[in-house]
């Protein structure tokens, strides 16, 4: 019985295997239906021309500024005195106003007078030597004309005469230089303005080139800023600007008085100066002003409808456009990363596409990079 039972189980198992094998052989592979092209509408990338208002931060500069220094060395013996706010006299300093030709400081005159006296004495000596050489030269000419003097002796006499004349000229030049140095011992204001800095004290030894005072003319000020190439084309000499200061509700008016002929080599902007009348000295050097240039025409840039812009999955926070292209009668949409610019109503300027390329504007929600599309006319 056992043998019969085992044989029955083996036959059943074999039959089951045959059944499974038959079922497997009859099964056909499942075919995925190809995705049909997605209907879309496209538009051509266009160039958009626009204007804008440019707001500039500008520096307030004095109309004129000078660093004053003595031309000669000497001890400072006098600095102009003014009445201070406390009613006591004090030396002039930063913030004080001075009129043109005001004597600001002096160095000790006696040293320079001594130099002038020495130069004058040298002139007297040179004149005497030149007079003697001149007389000797006249005698030598007379003797040489009668052949009573040899040629070498005559040449020596003439050389002494020429040398004495040169020495006299040099001595006179030294006198003029000493006179000029004495006149320069007085340091005066070249124009009316405010003292910005004073770098000397009584008793200091002043030396040539060392700045003693810095003075600025602020009867008018210059507001200076840099304009890009496309903006500078909108500027002209005499053009009016409204100038604003921070925390100052008052509006100041100025005119363009200077436009640089060339751009700065580093930042490629053109220096522009606007001159603003400043009779009451409200505007001070170093202040920051702002001004606005309206209606500046920008260079044309590629523009597309906002509806065509999608999120770029390859870049966090990035944007893209589906660019449609035709090959062998079939249209394909490829996602291209772009950079967005300014918006103009329902359009936006972009970087990354060229004018004339076709952009999907309707149907973008169902698209993936590389999908076939049906362009609806």
Protein backbone atom coordinates (compact mmCIF):
# COMPACT_ATOMS: atom_id res chain seq x y z
CA UNK A 1 0.00 0.00 0.00
CA UNK A 2 2.86 2.26 0.85
CA UNK A 3 4.41 1.86 -2.57
CA UNK A 4 1.15 2.59 -4.33
CA UNK A 5 0.63 5.70 -2.23
CA UNK A 6 4.13 7.06 -3.01
CA UNK A 7 3.68 6.44 -6.71
CA UNK A 8 0.40 8.37 -6.65
CA UNK A 9 2.01 11.39 -5.01
CA UNK A 10 4.83 11.39 -7.54
CA UNK A 11 2.38 11.30 -10.45
CA UNK A 12 0.35 14.17 -8.97
CA UNK A 13 3.47 16.26 -8.49
CA UNK A 14 4.62 15.59 -12.02
CA UNK A 15 1.23 16.57 -13.39
CA UNK A 16 1.34 19.83 -11.40
CA UNK A 17 4.76 20.70 -12.79
CA UNK A 18 3.55 20.02 -16.33
CA UNK A 19 0.56 22.29 -15.70
CA UNK A 20 2.75 25.12 -14.36
CA UNK A 21 5.19 24.75 -17.23
CA UNK A 22 2.35 24.88 -19.72
CA UNK A 23 0.89 27.94 -18.12
CA UNK A 24 4.28 29.66 -18.19
CA UNK A 25 4.79 28.83 -21.83
CA UNK A 26 1.46 30.26 -22.82
CA UNK A 27 1.99 33.62 -20.99
CA UNK A 28 2.75 36.55 -23.38
CA UNK A 29 4.93 39.62 -22.34
CA UNK A 30 2.90 42.71 -21.43
CA UNK A 31 3.47 45.66 -23.83
CA UNK A 32 3.32 49.29 -22.51
CA UNK A 33 1.53 51.59 -24.86
CA UNK A 34 3.76 54.46 -26.11
CA UNK A 35 2.89 57.91 -24.67
CA UNK A 36 1.24 60.14 -27.21
CA UNK A 37 2.65 63.64 -27.83
CA UNK A 38 1.40 66.27 -25.38
CA UNK A 39 -0.57 69.08 -27.02
CA UNK A 40 1.13 72.43 -26.31
CA UNK A 41 1.19 75.99 -27.52
CA UNK A 42 4.47 77.79 -28.09
CA UNK A 43 5.63 81.37 -28.48
CA UNK A 44 8.81 82.84 -29.87
CA UNK A 45 11.32 84.45 -27.51
CA UNK A 46 11.14 88.20 -28.16
CA UNK A 47 13.43 91.12 -27.33
CA UNK A 48 12.02 93.54 -24.82
CA UNK A 49 13.16 97.17 -24.60
CA UNK A 50 12.46 98.95 -21.32
CA UNK A 51 13.36 102.01 -19.33
CA UNK A 52 14.16 102.32 -15.67
CA UNK A 53 14.87 104.82 -12.93
CA UNK A 54 18.39 104.61 -11.54
CA UNK A 55 18.99 105.71 -7.96
CA UNK A 56 22.55 106.62 -7.04
CA UNK A 57 24.34 107.20 -3.78
CA UNK A 58 26.82 110.01 -4.25
CA UNK A 59 29.55 111.73 -2.25
CA UNK A 60 29.42 115.43 -1.47
CA UNK A 61 32.71 117.13 -2.39
CA UNK A 62 33.77 120.76 -2.00
CA UNK A 63 33.86 122.98 -5.06
CA UNK A 64 37.59 123.49 -4.44
CA UNK A 65 40.01 122.13 -1.86
CA UNK A 66 43.66 122.95 -1.20
CA UNK A 67 46.36 121.58 1.05
CA UNK A 68 48.52 124.55 2.14
CA UNK A 69 52.17 124.21 3.13
CA UNK A 70 55.16 126.51 3.59
CA UNK A 71 57.77 126.60 0.83
CA UNK A 72 60.55 127.32 3.32
CA UNK A 73 61.71 125.79 6.57
CA UNK A 74 61.25 127.74 9.78
CA UNK A 75 59.69 127.89 13.21
CA UNK A 76 55.99 128.79 13.36
CA UNK A 77 55.76 132.11 15.16
CA UNK A 78 52.16 133.13 14.47
CA UNK A 79 48.78 131.47 13.81
CA UNK A 80 45.68 133.56 13.14
CA UNK A 81 43.54 134.18 16.21
CA UNK A 82 39.71 134.16 16.25
CA UNK A 83 37.09 134.65 18.93
CA UNK A 84 35.87 131.31 20.32
CA UNK A 85 32.34 130.42 21.43
CA UNK A 86 33.41 130.86 25.06
CA UNK A 87 34.38 134.49 24.42
CA UNK A 88 38.12 133.84 24.51
CA UNK A 89 40.55 134.18 21.65
CA UNK A 90 41.98 131.00 20.21
CA UNK A 91 43.97 129.86 17.20
CA UNK A 92 42.04 129.22 14.01
CA UNK A 93 41.07 125.59 13.45
CA UNK A 94 38.71 123.15 11.71
CA UNK A 95 35.26 124.57 11.05
CA UNK A 96 36.37 128.21 10.98
CA UNK A 97 35.58 130.31 7.92
CA UNK A 98 38.27 132.51 6.39
CA UNK A 99 38.15 135.02 3.56
CA UNK A 100 40.47 134.95 0.60
CA UNK A 101 44.03 136.27 1.29
CA UNK A 102 43.58 135.94 5.07
CA UNK A 103 46.96 135.44 6.78
CA UNK A 104 46.73 132.00 8.39
CA UNK A 105 50.23 131.50 9.81
CA UNK A 106 53.83 132.75 9.70
CA UNK A 107 57.23 131.22 10.18
CA UNK A 108 60.09 133.21 11.76
CA UNK A 109 61.09 136.00 9.38
CA UNK A 110 64.52 136.72 10.79
CA UNK A 111 66.06 133.51 9.47
CA UNK A 112 64.87 134.32 5.97
CA UNK A 113 65.95 137.96 6.26
CA UNK A 114 69.43 136.79 7.17
CA UNK A 115 69.50 134.61 4.05
CA UNK A 116 68.38 137.60 1.99
CA UNK A 117 71.15 139.77 3.50
CA UNK A 118 73.72 137.09 2.70
CA UNK A 119 72.49 136.89 -0.88
CA UNK A 120 72.63 140.69 -1.20
CA UNK A 121 76.19 140.74 0.12
CA UNK A 122 77.15 138.10 -2.40
CA UNK A 123 75.75 140.31 -5.16
CA UNK A 124 77.87 143.25 -3.97
CA UNK A 125 80.98 141.09 -4.00
CA UNK A 126 80.14 139.64 -7.41
CA UNK A 127 79.58 143.13 -8.83
CA UNK A 128 83.01 144.24 -7.61
CA UNK A 129 84.69 141.20 -9.10
CA UNK A 130 82.85 141.65 -12.36
CA UNK A 131 83.83 145.32 -12.50
CA UNK A 132 87.50 144.42 -12.04
CA UNK A 133 87.25 141.65 -14.63
CA UNK A 134 85.53 144.03 -17.04
CA UNK A 135 88.30 146.61 -16.71
CA UNK A 136 90.98 143.96 -17.21
CA UNK A 137 89.17 142.71 -20.27
CA UNK A 138 89.01 146.17 -21.83
CA UNK A 139 92.77 146.68 -21.28
CA UNK A 140 93.49 143.23 -22.67
CA UNK A 141 91.52 144.00 -25.84
CA UNK A 142 93.50 147.19 -26.37
CA UNK A 143 96.83 145.45 -25.86
CA UNK A 144 95.89 142.51 -28.00
CA UNK A 145 94.87 144.81 -30.86
CA UNK A 146 98.42 146.25 -30.91
CA UNK A 147 99.98 142.79 -30.60
CA UNK A 148 101.27 143.67 -27.16
CA UNK A 149 99.48 140.73 -25.57
CA UNK A 150 99.67 137.11 -26.58
CA UNK A 151 96.58 135.16 -27.59
CA UNK A 152 96.66 132.83 -24.52
CA UNK A 153 96.88 135.81 -22.15
CA UNK A 154 93.96 137.49 -23.87
CA UNK A 155 91.88 134.29 -23.71
CA UNK A 156 92.52 134.00 -19.94
CA UNK A 157 91.36 137.58 -19.38
CA UNK A 158 88.23 137.02 -21.42
CA UNK A 159 87.46 133.79 -19.49
CA UNK A 160 87.74 135.68 -16.16
CA UNK A 161 85.36 138.31 -17.50
CA UNK A 162 82.80 135.72 -18.62
CA UNK A 163 83.08 133.83 -15.32
CA UNK A 164 82.57 137.00 -13.26
CA UNK A 165 79.50 137.88 -15.29
CA UNK A 166 78.03 134.41 -14.65
CA UNK A 167 78.79 134.68 -10.94
CA UNK A 168 77.01 138.03 -10.80
CA UNK A 169 73.93 136.61 -12.51
CA UNK A 170 73.88 133.69 -10.08
CA UNK A 171 74.17 136.01 -7.07
CA UNK A 172 71.28 138.12 -8.31
CA UNK A 173 69.18 134.97 -8.77
CA UNK A 174 69.96 134.00 -5.18
CA UNK A 175 68.65 137.36 -4.04
CA UNK A 176 65.41 136.88 -5.92
CA UNK A 177 65.04 133.40 -4.42
CA UNK A 178 65.65 134.74 -0.92
CA UNK A 179 63.07 137.47 -1.47
CA UNK A 180 60.56 134.87 -2.62
CA UNK A 181 61.28 132.68 0.41
CA UNK A 182 60.72 135.66 2.71
CA UNK A 183 57.39 136.38 1.02
CA UNK A 184 56.40 132.72 1.38
CA UNK A 185 56.96 132.89 5.11
CA UNK A 186 53.38 134.14 5.26
CA UNK A 187 50.79 131.43 4.55
CA UNK A 188 47.54 132.91 3.22
CA UNK A 189 44.18 131.48 2.13
CA UNK A 190 44.04 131.13 -1.69
CA UNK A 191 40.24 131.43 -1.65
CA UNK A 192 37.40 131.93 0.78
CA UNK A 193 36.31 128.77 2.57
CA UNK A 194 36.27 126.64 5.69
CA UNK A 195 39.30 125.19 7.43
CA UNK A 196 39.04 121.38 7.31
CA UNK A 197 42.28 120.63 9.16
CA UNK A 198 45.21 122.35 10.88
CA UNK A 199 48.42 120.40 11.37
CA UNK A 200 50.75 122.98 12.93
CA UNK A 201 51.20 124.54 16.37
CA UNK A 202 53.14 127.53 17.60
CA UNK A 203 56.81 126.63 17.87
CA UNK A 204 56.65 123.76 15.36
CA UNK A 205 59.44 123.55 12.81
CA UNK A 206 57.66 123.72 9.48
CA UNK A 207 59.30 122.15 6.48
CA UNK A 208 58.57 122.43 2.74
CA UNK A 209 55.82 120.06 1.62
CA UNK A 210 54.42 119.45 5.11
CA UNK A 211 50.70 120.29 5.01
CA UNK A 212 49.83 123.04 7.48
CA UNK A 213 46.16 123.64 6.61
CA UNK A 214 43.47 122.09 4.45
CA UNK A 215 40.89 124.58 3.25
CA UNK A 216 37.71 123.95 1.22
CA UNK A 217 35.42 126.23 -0.75
CA UNK A 218 31.84 125.08 -0.04
CA UNK A 219 29.96 128.01 -1.55
CA UNK A 220 28.90 125.29 -3.97
CA UNK A 221 29.49 121.54 -3.73
CA UNK A 222 29.97 118.76 -6.23
CA UNK A 223 27.87 115.61 -5.96
CA UNK A 224 29.88 112.86 -7.62
CA UNK A 225 28.67 109.42 -8.77
CA UNK A 226 29.43 106.77 -11.39
CA UNK A 227 27.00 105.96 -14.23
CA UNK A 228 27.10 102.83 -16.46
CA UNK A 229 27.53 103.15 -20.21
CA UNK A 230 23.84 102.79 -21.10
CA UNK A 231 22.88 105.42 -18.52
CA UNK A 232 25.55 107.98 -19.35
CA UNK A 233 24.04 108.27 -22.83
CA UNK A 234 21.00 109.88 -21.20
CA UNK A 235 23.07 112.58 -19.48
CA UNK A 236 24.02 116.01 -20.79
CA UNK A 237 25.78 119.05 -19.40
CA UNK A 238 23.36 121.42 -17.70
CA UNK A 239 20.82 118.67 -16.95
CA UNK A 240 19.04 119.29 -13.62
CA UNK A 241 18.90 116.82 -10.74
CA UNK A 242 17.12 116.78 -7.42
CA UNK A 243 19.47 115.94 -4.56
CA UNK A 244 18.34 114.36 -1.29
CA UNK A 245 20.14 113.83 2.00
CA UNK A 246 19.37 111.20 4.60
CA UNK A 247 17.10 112.49 7.38
CA UNK A 248 16.74 115.82 5.58
CA UNK A 249 13.33 116.51 4.01
CA UNK A 250 14.71 119.45 2.05
CA UNK A 251 15.35 118.97 -1.66
CA UNK A 252 18.40 120.52 -3.30
CA UNK A 253 18.77 121.22 -7.00
CA UNK A 254 21.93 120.92 -9.05
CA UNK A 255 23.14 120.74 -12.64
CA UNK A 256 25.49 118.33 -14.38
CA UNK A 257 28.78 120.17 -14.82
CA UNK A 258 31.14 117.32 -15.71
CA UNK A 259 30.88 113.95 -17.51
CA UNK A 260 34.03 111.86 -17.79
CA UNK A 261 35.27 111.27 -21.33
CA UNK A 262 36.31 107.70 -20.47
CA UNK A 263 35.17 104.92 -18.15
CA UNK A 264 37.01 103.90 -15.00
CA UNK A 265 39.28 100.93 -15.80
CA UNK A 266 38.21 98.95 -12.72
CA UNK A 267 34.43 99.26 -12.50
CA UNK A 268 33.70 100.51 -16.06
CA UNK A 269 31.54 103.44 -14.98
CA UNK A 270 31.74 107.09 -16.01
CA UNK A 271 32.35 109.73 -13.34
CA UNK A 272 29.62 112.37 -13.29
CA UNK A 273 29.60 115.57 -11.22
CA UNK A 274 26.52 117.60 -10.33
CA UNK A 275 27.21 121.07 -8.94
CA UNK A 276 24.80 122.28 -6.26
CA UNK A 277 24.70 125.89 -4.95
CA UNK A 278 25.39 125.90 -1.22
CA UNK A 279 25.25 129.53 -0.01
CA UNK A 280 24.28 128.61 3.57
CA UNK A 281 26.69 125.66 3.80
CA UNK A 282 23.99 123.09 4.57
CA UNK A 283 25.80 120.58 2.38
CA UNK A 284 29.16 119.59 3.86
CA UNK A 285 32.02 117.57 2.37
CA UNK A 286 31.76 113.90 3.21
CA UNK A 287 27.97 113.75 3.35
CA UNK A 288 26.18 111.03 1.36
CA UNK A 289 23.52 112.25 -1.05
CA UNK A 290 21.12 110.39 -3.33
CA UNK A 291 19.74 111.28 -6.73
CA UNK A 292 17.55 109.56 -9.33
CA UNK A 293 17.97 109.36 -13.09
CA UNK A 294 14.62 108.56 -14.71
CA UNK A 295 13.74 107.14 -18.12
CA UNK A 296 17.03 105.35 -18.78
CA UNK A 297 16.65 103.07 -21.82
CA UNK A 298 18.05 99.61 -21.12
CA UNK A 299 19.58 97.33 -23.74
CA UNK A 300 16.96 94.96 -25.29
CA UNK A 301 16.81 91.58 -23.50
CA UNK A 302 15.09 88.23 -24.29
CA UNK A 303 11.57 88.16 -22.84
CA UNK A 304 8.97 85.36 -22.38
CA UNK A 305 5.50 85.12 -20.81
CA UNK A 306 5.50 84.41 -17.07
CA UNK A 307 3.22 81.41 -17.72
CA UNK A 308 6.11 79.63 -19.49
CA UNK A 309 8.37 79.64 -16.42
CA UNK A 310 8.58 76.40 -14.40
CA UNK A 311 10.63 75.24 -11.43
CA UNK A 312 13.94 73.64 -12.35
CA UNK A 313 14.13 70.26 -10.52
CA UNK A 314 17.90 70.12 -10.92
CA UNK A 315 18.53 73.31 -8.95
CA UNK A 316 16.96 74.29 -5.65
CA UNK A 317 15.11 77.55 -6.17
CA UNK A 318 16.02 77.58 -9.84
CA UNK A 319 13.79 78.21 -12.84
CA UNK A 320 13.54 76.79 -16.32
CA UNK A 321 11.74 76.93 -19.66
CA UNK A 322 10.64 74.17 -22.02
CA UNK A 323 12.27 74.89 -25.36
CA UNK A 324 10.53 73.14 -28.27
CA UNK A 325 12.55 72.02 -31.29
CA UNK A 326 11.56 70.06 -34.44
CA UNK A 327 13.56 67.14 -35.87
CA UNK A 328 12.28 65.05 -38.81
CA UNK A 329 8.78 66.35 -38.34
CA UNK A 330 8.67 65.52 -34.61
CA UNK A 331 8.63 68.15 -31.89
CA UNK A 332 10.48 67.62 -28.59
CA UNK A 333 10.45 69.79 -25.47
CA UNK A 334 13.68 70.11 -23.47
CA UNK A 335 13.89 71.79 -20.08
CA UNK A 336 16.52 74.53 -19.98
CA UNK A 337 17.68 76.36 -16.86
CA UNK A 338 17.33 80.15 -17.07
CA UNK A 339 17.91 83.20 -14.91
CA UNK A 340 14.98 85.55 -14.43
CA UNK A 341 15.28 89.31 -14.73
CA UNK A 342 12.78 92.13 -14.45
CA UNK A 343 9.05 91.61 -14.98
CA UNK A 344 7.02 93.78 -17.35
CA UNK A 345 3.28 93.19 -16.88
CA UNK A 346 2.79 89.52 -17.91
CA UNK A 347 6.32 89.02 -19.32
CA UNK A 348 9.73 88.53 -17.74
CA UNK A 349 13.24 89.03 -19.13
CA UNK A 350 15.42 85.93 -18.99
CA UNK A 351 19.01 84.87 -19.54
CA UNK A 352 19.60 81.48 -21.13
CA UNK A 353 17.48 81.63 -24.30
CA UNK A 354 17.88 83.39 -27.62
CA UNK A 355 15.41 85.50 -29.60
CA UNK A 356 13.41 83.36 -32.01
CA UNK A 357 13.57 80.13 -29.97
CA UNK A 358 10.15 78.54 -29.34
CA UNK A 359 9.03 78.31 -25.72
CA UNK A 360 6.15 76.17 -24.46
CA UNK A 361 3.62 78.47 -22.82
CA UNK A 362 0.51 76.24 -22.60
CA UNK A 363 0.76 72.62 -21.44
CA UNK A 364 3.95 72.97 -19.37
CA UNK A 365 2.38 71.32 -16.28
CA UNK A 366 2.32 67.86 -17.92
CA UNK A 367 5.77 67.99 -19.49
CA UNK A 368 9.05 66.33 -18.61
CA UNK A 369 12.44 66.93 -20.15
CA UNK A 370 12.59 65.21 -23.56
CA UNK A 371 8.82 64.65 -24.01
CA UNK A 372 7.33 64.61 -27.48
CA UNK A 373 4.89 67.45 -28.01
CA UNK A 374 2.20 68.33 -30.54
CA UNK A 375 2.42 72.02 -31.37
CA UNK A 376 -1.07 73.41 -31.73
CA UNK A 377 -1.44 76.10 -34.33
